C-alpha atoms as a PDB file:
ATOM      1  CA  MET A   1       0.077  -0.190   0.110  1.00  0.00           C
ATOM      2  CA  ASN A   2       1.019   3.596  -0.935  1.00  0.00           C
ATOM      3  CA  ARG A   3       0.641   5.359   2.448  1.00  0.00           C
ATOM      4  CA  THR A   4       0.868   8.725   0.995  1.00  0.00           C
ATOM      5  CA  GLN A   5      -2.303   8.027  -0.807  1.00  0.00           C
ATOM      6  CA  HIS A   6      -5.222   8.694   1.354  1.00  0.00           C
ATOM      7  CA  ARG A   7      -9.018  10.137   0.781  1.00  0.00           C
ATOM      8  CA  VAL A   8      -8.927  12.740   3.355  1.00  0.00           C
ATOM      9  CA  GLU A   9     -11.765  15.505   3.876  1.00  0.00           C
ATOM     10  CA  LEU A  10     -12.426  17.921   6.715  1.00  0.00           C
ATOM     11  CA  VAL A  11     -15.522  16.984   8.549  1.00  0.00           C
ATOM     12  CA  THR A  12     -15.959  19.421  11.555  1.00  0.00           C
ATOM     13  CA  LEU A  13     -14.567  21.529  14.056  1.00  0.00           C
ATOM     14  CA  ALA A  14     -15.799  20.718  17.765  1.00  0.00           C
ATOM     15  CA  PRO A  15     -15.163  23.023  20.600  1.00  0.00           C
ATOM     16  CA  ASP A  16     -15.833  20.404  23.002  1.00  0.00           C
ATOM     17  CA  LEU A  17     -16.808  16.880  23.438  1.00  0.00           C
ATOM     18  CA  SER A  18     -20.461  17.664  23.072  1.00  0.00           C
ATOM     19  CA  PHE A  19     -19.910  18.972  19.478  1.00  0.00           C
ATOM     20  CA  CYS A  20     -17.951  15.809  18.364  1.00  0.00           C
ATOM     21  CA  PRO A  21     -19.587  13.811  15.466  1.00  0.00           C
ATOM     22  CA  GLU A  22     -22.290  11.331  16.053  1.00  0.00           C
ATOM     23  CA  SER A  23     -20.240   8.459  14.445  1.00  0.00           C
ATOM     24  CA  ASP A  24     -19.130   5.163  15.555  1.00  0.00           C
ATOM     25  CA  LEU A  25     -16.050   5.342  13.465  1.00  0.00           C
ATOM     26  CA  PRO A  26     -12.628   5.071  15.526  1.00  0.00           C
ATOM     27  CA  GLU A  27     -10.397   8.127  15.861  1.00  0.00           C
ATOM     28  CA  LEU A  28      -7.046   8.636  16.418  1.00  0.00           C
ATOM     29  CA  ALA A  29      -6.047  11.992  17.913  1.00  0.00           C
ATOM     30  CA  PHE A  30      -2.680  14.327  17.536  1.00  0.00           C
ATOM     31  CA  SER A  31      -1.713  15.670  20.820  1.00  0.00           C
ATOM     32  CA  GLY A  32       0.850  18.315  21.640  1.00  0.00           C
ATOM     33  CA  ARG A  33       1.939  21.684  22.865  1.00  0.00           C
ATOM     34  CA  SER A  34       1.437  24.773  20.663  1.00  0.00           C
ATOM     35  CA  ASN A  35       4.160  24.999  17.668  1.00  0.00           C
ATOM     36  CA  VAL A  36       5.454  21.399  17.798  1.00  0.00           C
ATOM     37  CA  GLY A  37       4.654  20.472  14.282  1.00  0.00           C
ATOM     38  CA  LYS A  38       1.135  18.761  14.509  1.00  0.00           C
ATOM     39  CA  SER A  39      -0.058  20.423  11.326  1.00  0.00           C
ATOM     40  CA  SER A  40       3.150  19.751   9.228  1.00  0.00           C
ATOM     41  CA  LEU A  41       3.281  16.055  10.527  1.00  0.00           C
ATOM     42  CA  LEU A  42      -0.477  15.857   9.520  1.00  0.00           C
ATOM     43  CA  ASN A  43      -0.126  17.024   6.240  1.00  0.00           C
ATOM     44  CA  LEU A  44       2.996  14.699   5.289  1.00  0.00           C
ATOM     45  CA  LEU A  45       0.958  11.937   6.656  1.00  0.00           C
ATOM     46  CA  VAL A  46      -1.903  12.158   4.422  1.00  0.00           C
ATOM     47  CA  GLY A  47      -0.010  13.211   1.517  1.00  0.00           C
ATOM     48  CA  ARG A  48      -1.421  16.900   1.488  1.00  0.00           C
ATOM     49  CA  LYS A  49       0.672  20.309   1.560  1.00  0.00           C
ATOM     50  CA  ARG A  50      -2.366  22.187   3.032  1.00  0.00           C
ATOM     51  CA  MET A  51      -4.904  19.993   4.209  1.00  0.00           C
ATOM     52  CA  ALA A  52      -3.970  21.341   7.949  1.00  0.00           C
ATOM     53  CA  TYR A  53      -3.071  24.853   8.119  1.00  0.00           C
ATOM     54  CA  THR A  54       0.471  25.513   9.382  1.00  0.00           C
ATOM     55  CA  SER A  55       1.499  28.831  11.247  1.00  0.00           C
ATOM     56  CA  GLY A  56       4.228  30.359  13.049  1.00  0.00           C
ATOM     57  CA  GLN A  57       1.795  31.714  15.499  1.00  0.00           C
ATOM     58  CA  PRO A  58       1.026  29.193  18.450  1.00  0.00           C
ATOM     59  CA  GLY A  59      -2.201  28.520  19.210  1.00  0.00           C
ATOM     60  CA  LYS A  60      -3.979  28.623  16.009  1.00  0.00           C
ATOM     61  CA  THR A  61      -5.627  25.185  16.536  1.00  0.00           C
ATOM     62  CA  ARG A  62      -8.529  26.000  18.946  1.00  0.00           C
ATOM     63  CA  THR A  63     -10.629  23.358  18.310  1.00  0.00           C
ATOM     64  CA  LEU A  64     -11.122  19.190  17.695  1.00  0.00           C
ATOM     65  CA  THR A  65     -10.501  19.374  14.177  1.00  0.00           C
ATOM     66  CA  TYR A  66     -12.095  16.003  12.643  1.00  0.00           C
ATOM     67  CA  TYR A  67     -10.779  14.560   9.427  1.00  0.00           C
ATOM     68  CA  LEU A  68     -12.254  11.703   7.833  1.00  0.00           C
ATOM     69  CA  VAL A  69      -9.342   9.065   6.578  1.00  0.00           C
ATOM     70  CA  ASP A  70     -10.485   6.856   3.574  1.00  0.00           C
ATOM     71  CA  ASP A  71     -14.162   6.814   4.709  1.00  0.00           C
ATOM     72  CA  ARG A  72     -12.806   4.464   7.831  1.00  0.00           C
ATOM     73  CA  TRP A  73     -11.749   6.500  10.461  1.00  0.00           C
ATOM     74  CA  HIS A  74     -11.160   9.990  11.947  1.00  0.00           C
ATOM     75  CA  LEU A  75      -7.949  11.712  12.585  1.00  0.00           C
ATOM     76  CA  VAL A  76      -8.644  14.475  15.272  1.00  0.00           C
ATOM     77  CA  ASP A  77      -5.963  17.315  15.680  1.00  0.00           C
ATOM     78  CA  MET A  78      -6.475  18.547  19.260  1.00  0.00           C
ATOM     79  CA  PRO A  79      -5.617  22.024  20.129  1.00  0.00           C
ATOM     80  CA  GLY A  80      -2.161  22.591  21.070  1.00  0.00           C
ATOM     81  CA  TYR A  81      -1.289  23.339  24.866  1.00  0.00           C
ATOM     82  CA  GLY A  82       1.092  25.453  26.842  1.00  0.00           C
ATOM     83  CA  TRP A  83       0.454  28.889  24.886  1.00  0.00           C
ATOM     84  CA  ALA A  84       1.540  31.647  27.246  1.00  0.00           C
ATOM     85  CA  ARG A  85      -0.315  34.317  25.588  1.00  0.00           C
ATOM     86  CA  VAL A  86      -3.734  32.421  26.056  1.00  0.00           C
ATOM     87  CA  SER A  87      -5.560  33.807  29.173  1.00  0.00           C
ATOM     88  CA  GLN A  88      -5.702  31.526  32.336  1.00  0.00           C
ATOM     89  CA  VAL A  89      -9.320  31.294  32.058  1.00  0.00           C
ATOM     90  CA  GLU A  90      -9.142  30.208  28.222  1.00  0.00           C
ATOM     91  CA  ARG A  91      -6.278  27.890  29.202  1.00  0.00           C
ATOM     92  CA  ARG A  92      -8.373  26.017  32.087  1.00  0.00           C
ATOM     93  CA  LYS A  93     -11.521  25.791  29.574  1.00  0.00           C
ATOM     94  CA  TRP A  94      -9.472  24.109  26.752  1.00  0.00           C
ATOM     95  CA  ALA A  95      -7.934  21.791  29.395  1.00  0.00           C
ATOM     96  CA  ALA A  96     -11.237  20.604  30.840  1.00  0.00           C
ATOM     97  CA  ALA A  97     -12.600  20.265  27.271  1.00  0.00           C
ATOM     98  CA  MET A  98      -9.498  18.091  26.199  1.00  0.00           C
ATOM     99  CA  ARG A  99      -9.641  16.169  29.404  1.00  0.00           C
ATOM    100  CA  ALA A 100     -13.228  15.237  28.984  1.00  0.00           C
ATOM    101  CA  TYR A 101     -12.449  14.035  25.391  1.00  0.00           C
ATOM    102  CA  LEU A 102      -9.629  11.857  26.349  1.00  0.00           C
ATOM    103  CA  HIS A 103     -11.466  10.387  29.428  1.00  0.00           C
ATOM    104  CA  ARG A 104     -14.957   9.931  27.871  1.00  0.00           C
ATOM    105  CA  ARG A 105     -14.772   9.875  23.951  1.00  0.00           C
ATOM    106  CA  GLN A 106     -15.381   5.828  23.400  1.00  0.00           C
ATOM    107  CA  GLN A 107     -14.303   6.136  19.852  1.00  0.00           C
ATOM    108  CA  LEU A 108     -10.907   7.457  20.806  1.00  0.00           C
ATOM    109  CA  ALA A 109      -8.608   4.524  19.837  1.00  0.00           C
ATOM    110  CA  ALA A 110      -5.117   5.762  20.437  1.00  0.00           C
ATOM    111  CA  VAL A 111      -3.248   9.163  20.324  1.00  0.00           C
ATOM    112  CA  LEU A 112       0.142  10.261  18.769  1.00  0.00           C
ATOM    113  CA  GLN A 113       1.869  12.688  21.415  1.00  0.00           C
ATOM    114  CA  LEU A 114       4.229  15.169  19.627  1.00  0.00           C
ATOM    115  CA  ILE A 115       7.229  16.114  21.721  1.00  0.00           C
ATOM    116  CA  ASP A 116       9.774  18.664  19.962  1.00  0.00           C
ATOM    117  CA  LEU A 117      13.173  16.669  20.054  1.00  0.00           C
ATOM    118  CA  ARG A 118      15.184  19.898  20.467  1.00  0.00           C
ATOM    119  CA  VAL A 119      13.108  20.936  23.606  1.00  0.00           C
ATOM    120  CA  GLY A 120      12.264  17.761  25.070  1.00  0.00           C
ATOM    121  CA  VAL A 121       9.305  17.182  27.576  1.00  0.00           C
ATOM    122  CA  THR A 122       7.903  20.178  28.961  1.00  0.00           C
ATOM    123  CA  PRO A 123       5.783  20.402  32.254  1.00  0.00           C
ATOM    124  CA  ASP A 124       2.712  20.696  30.056  1.00  0.00           C
ATOM    125  CA  ASP A 125       3.785  17.607  28.215  1.00  0.00           C
ATOM    126  CA  ARG A 126       4.068  15.632  31.484  1.00  0.00           C
ATOM    127  CA  ALA A 127       0.463  16.798  32.389  1.00  0.00           C
ATOM    128  CA  ARG A 128      -0.935  15.610  29.056  1.00  0.00           C
ATOM    129  CA  LEU A 129       1.100  12.033  29.252  1.00  0.00           C
ATOM    130  CA  ARG A 130      -0.372  11.777  32.772  1.00  0.00           C
ATOM    131  CA  GLU A 131      -3.728  12.304  31.375  1.00  0.00           C
ATOM    132  CA  LEU A 132      -3.368   9.545  28.457  1.00  0.00           C
ATOM    133  CA  MET A 133      -2.064   7.147  31.130  1.00  0.00           C
ATOM    134  CA  SER A 134      -5.036   8.221  33.534  1.00  0.00           C
ATOM    135  CA  ALA A 135      -7.323   7.353  30.440  1.00  0.00           C
ATOM    136  CA  GLY A 136      -5.783   4.099  29.708  1.00  0.00           C
ATOM    137  CA  LEU A 137      -5.123   5.047  26.376  1.00  0.00           C
ATOM    138  CA  ASP A 138      -2.508   3.752  23.703  1.00  0.00           C
ATOM    139  CA  PHE A 139      -0.065   6.446  22.388  1.00  0.00           C
ATOM    140  CA  CYS A 140       3.022   6.738  20.745  1.00  0.00           C
ATOM    141  CA  LEU A 141       5.451   9.491  21.501  1.00  0.00           C
ATOM    142  CA  VAL A 142       6.552  11.090  18.087  1.00  0.00           C
ATOM    143  CA  PHE A 143       9.584  13.408  18.359  1.00  0.00           C
ATOM    144  CA  THR A 144       9.218  16.223  15.990  1.00  0.00           C
ATOM    145  CA  LYS A 145      11.588  18.316  14.122  1.00  0.00           C
ATOM    146  CA  ALA A 146      14.437  15.937  14.106  1.00  0.00           C
ATOM    147  CA  ASP A 147      16.042  17.940  11.179  1.00  0.00           C
ATOM    148  CA  LYS A 148      17.108  20.528  13.553  1.00  0.00           C
ATOM    149  CA  VAL A 149      19.066  17.966  15.645  1.00  0.00           C
ATOM    150  CA  PRO A 150      22.496  16.534  14.624  1.00  0.00           C
ATOM    151  CA  ARG A 151      21.508  12.812  13.622  1.00  0.00           C
ATOM    152  CA  ALA A 152      24.222  11.475  15.685  1.00  0.00           C
ATOM    153  CA  GLN A 153      22.560  12.854  18.741  1.00  0.00           C
ATOM    154  CA  HIS A 154      19.049  11.378  18.228  1.00  0.00           C
ATOM    155  CA  ASP A 155      19.505   8.333  20.061  1.00  0.00           C
ATOM    156  CA  ARG A 156      20.948  10.224  23.290  1.00  0.00           C
ATOM    157  CA  ARG A 157      18.240  13.083  23.289  1.00  0.00           C
ATOM    158  CA  VAL A 158      15.392  10.524  22.941  1.00  0.00           C
ATOM    159  CA  ALA A 159      17.205   8.534  26.011  1.00  0.00           C
ATOM    160  CA  GLU A 160      17.378  11.755  27.971  1.00  0.00           C
ATOM    161  CA  HIS A 161      13.888  12.882  26.959  1.00  0.00           C
ATOM    162  CA  LEU A 162      12.371   9.415  28.174  1.00  0.00           C
ATOM    163  CA  ASP A 163      14.246   9.175  31.365  1.00  0.00           C
ATOM    164  CA  GLY A 164      11.809   9.373  34.297  1.00  0.00           C
ATOM    165  CA  LEU A 165       8.600   9.470  32.884  1.00  0.00           C
ATOM    166  CA  GLY A 166       7.617   5.852  33.753  1.00  0.00           C
ATOM    167  CA  LEU A 167       5.850   5.128  30.409  1.00  0.00           C
ATOM    168  CA  PRO A 168       4.166   1.856  29.746  1.00  0.00           C
ATOM    169  CA  PRO A 169       6.694  -0.530  28.302  1.00  0.00           C
ATOM    170  CA  ASP A 170       4.810  -1.086  25.109  1.00  0.00           C
ATOM    171  CA  THR A 171       4.822   2.705  24.457  1.00  0.00           C
ATOM    172  CA  GLY A 172       6.091   3.452  20.522  1.00  0.00           C
ATOM    173  CA  VAL A 173       8.639   5.860  20.109  1.00  0.00           C
ATOM    174  CA  VAL A 174       9.183   7.715  16.685  1.00  0.00           C
ATOM    175  CA  VAL A 175      11.682  10.261  15.643  1.00  0.00           C
ATOM    176  CA  SER A 176      10.261  12.365  13.011  1.00  0.00           C
ATOM    177  CA  SER A 177      10.550  15.477  10.750  1.00  0.00           C
ATOM    178  CA  ALA A 178       8.068  16.641   8.431  1.00  0.00           C
ATOM    179  CA  ARG A 179      10.450  18.674   6.297  1.00  0.00           C
ATOM    180  CA  GLU A 180      12.701  15.625   5.627  1.00  0.00           C
ATOM    181  CA  ARG A 181       9.915  12.994   5.685  1.00  0.00           C
ATOM    182  CA  TRP A 182      11.654  11.006   8.357  1.00  0.00           C
ATOM    183  CA  GLY A 183       9.521   8.722  10.656  1.00  0.00           C
ATOM    184  CA  GLN A 184       6.307   8.588   8.313  1.00  0.00           C
ATOM    185  CA  GLU A 185       6.463   4.704   7.584  1.00  0.00           C
ATOM    186  CA  GLU A 186       6.924   4.117  11.215  1.00  0.00           C
ATOM    187  CA  ILE A 187       4.090   6.271  12.154  1.00  0.00           C
ATOM    188  CA  TRP A 188       1.706   4.813   9.760  1.00  0.00           C
ATOM    189  CA  GLY A 189       2.658   1.320  10.974  1.00  0.00           C
ATOM    190  CA  TRP A 190       1.839   2.466  14.653  1.00  0.00           C
ATOM    191  CA  ILE A 191      -1.357   3.707  13.400  1.00  0.00           C
ATOM    192  CA  GLU A 192      -2.519   0.792  11.513  1.00  0.00           C
ATOM    193  CA  ASP A 193      -1.623  -1.681  14.425  1.00  0.00           C
ATOM    194  CA  HIS A 194      -3.673   0.370  16.754  1.00  0.00           C
ATOM    195  CA  LEU A 195      -6.846   0.903  14.681  1.00  0.00           C
ATOM    196  CA  PRO A 196      -9.639  -1.709  14.804  1.00  0.00           C
ATOM    197  CA  PRO A 197      -9.408  -4.229  12.051  1.00  0.00           C
ATOM    198  CA  GLN A 198     -12.550  -2.628  10.133  1.00  0.00           C
ATOM    199  CA  ALA A 199     -10.618   0.893  10.064  1.00  0.00           C
ATOM    200  CA  ARG A 200      -7.289  -0.724   8.531  1.00  0.00           C
ATOM    201  CA  PRO A 201      -6.516  -0.458   4.702  1.00  0.00           C
ATOM    202  CA  GLU A 202      -7.836  -3.415   2.644  1.00  0.00           C
ATOM    203  CA  GLY A 203      -5.337  -6.079   2.453  1.00  0.00           C
ATOM    204  CA  GLU A 204      -3.689  -5.208   5.794  1.00  0.00           C
END
């Protein structure tokens, strides 16, 4: 299967759980701090240049953005967290809405948790990881923007970032770069392993 060829369409923007689609299709969510590279990686995975809008302005995604992939499952781009210029009231509102989504959305099958390889795991990242583990969700850590770190340092940086996190032993880890197209096949492999059989591509 050519994993760069997918039918993808924008379905809806959901500010909170009550606006999510009334659908039984499984969902896979993209999670990460603002400006971690979620939109760029999403565009790479689905083989589109502008499916998700990329911006130098953190906090651009302010809703759960639903995309239908191959008429089989939903890819959900979650709002970025940790943007200091958002008011504390709005940050708490977003946090509560995303907590409800992670804990109560039964269609949510798994999460891609993005971490900037240069920056490492921030306190906000640690809070999101605790939420994912508390919700009992399968997740994969995707270290983004790896092209900005010398390749000889990748393994050491990853090991340093993972140290002390207390992650489940089966947690997936992928080093990626949307610019250099690194990690694309590994991420798709993880996605296909964690979607229900009926959502996987034909022949898988």
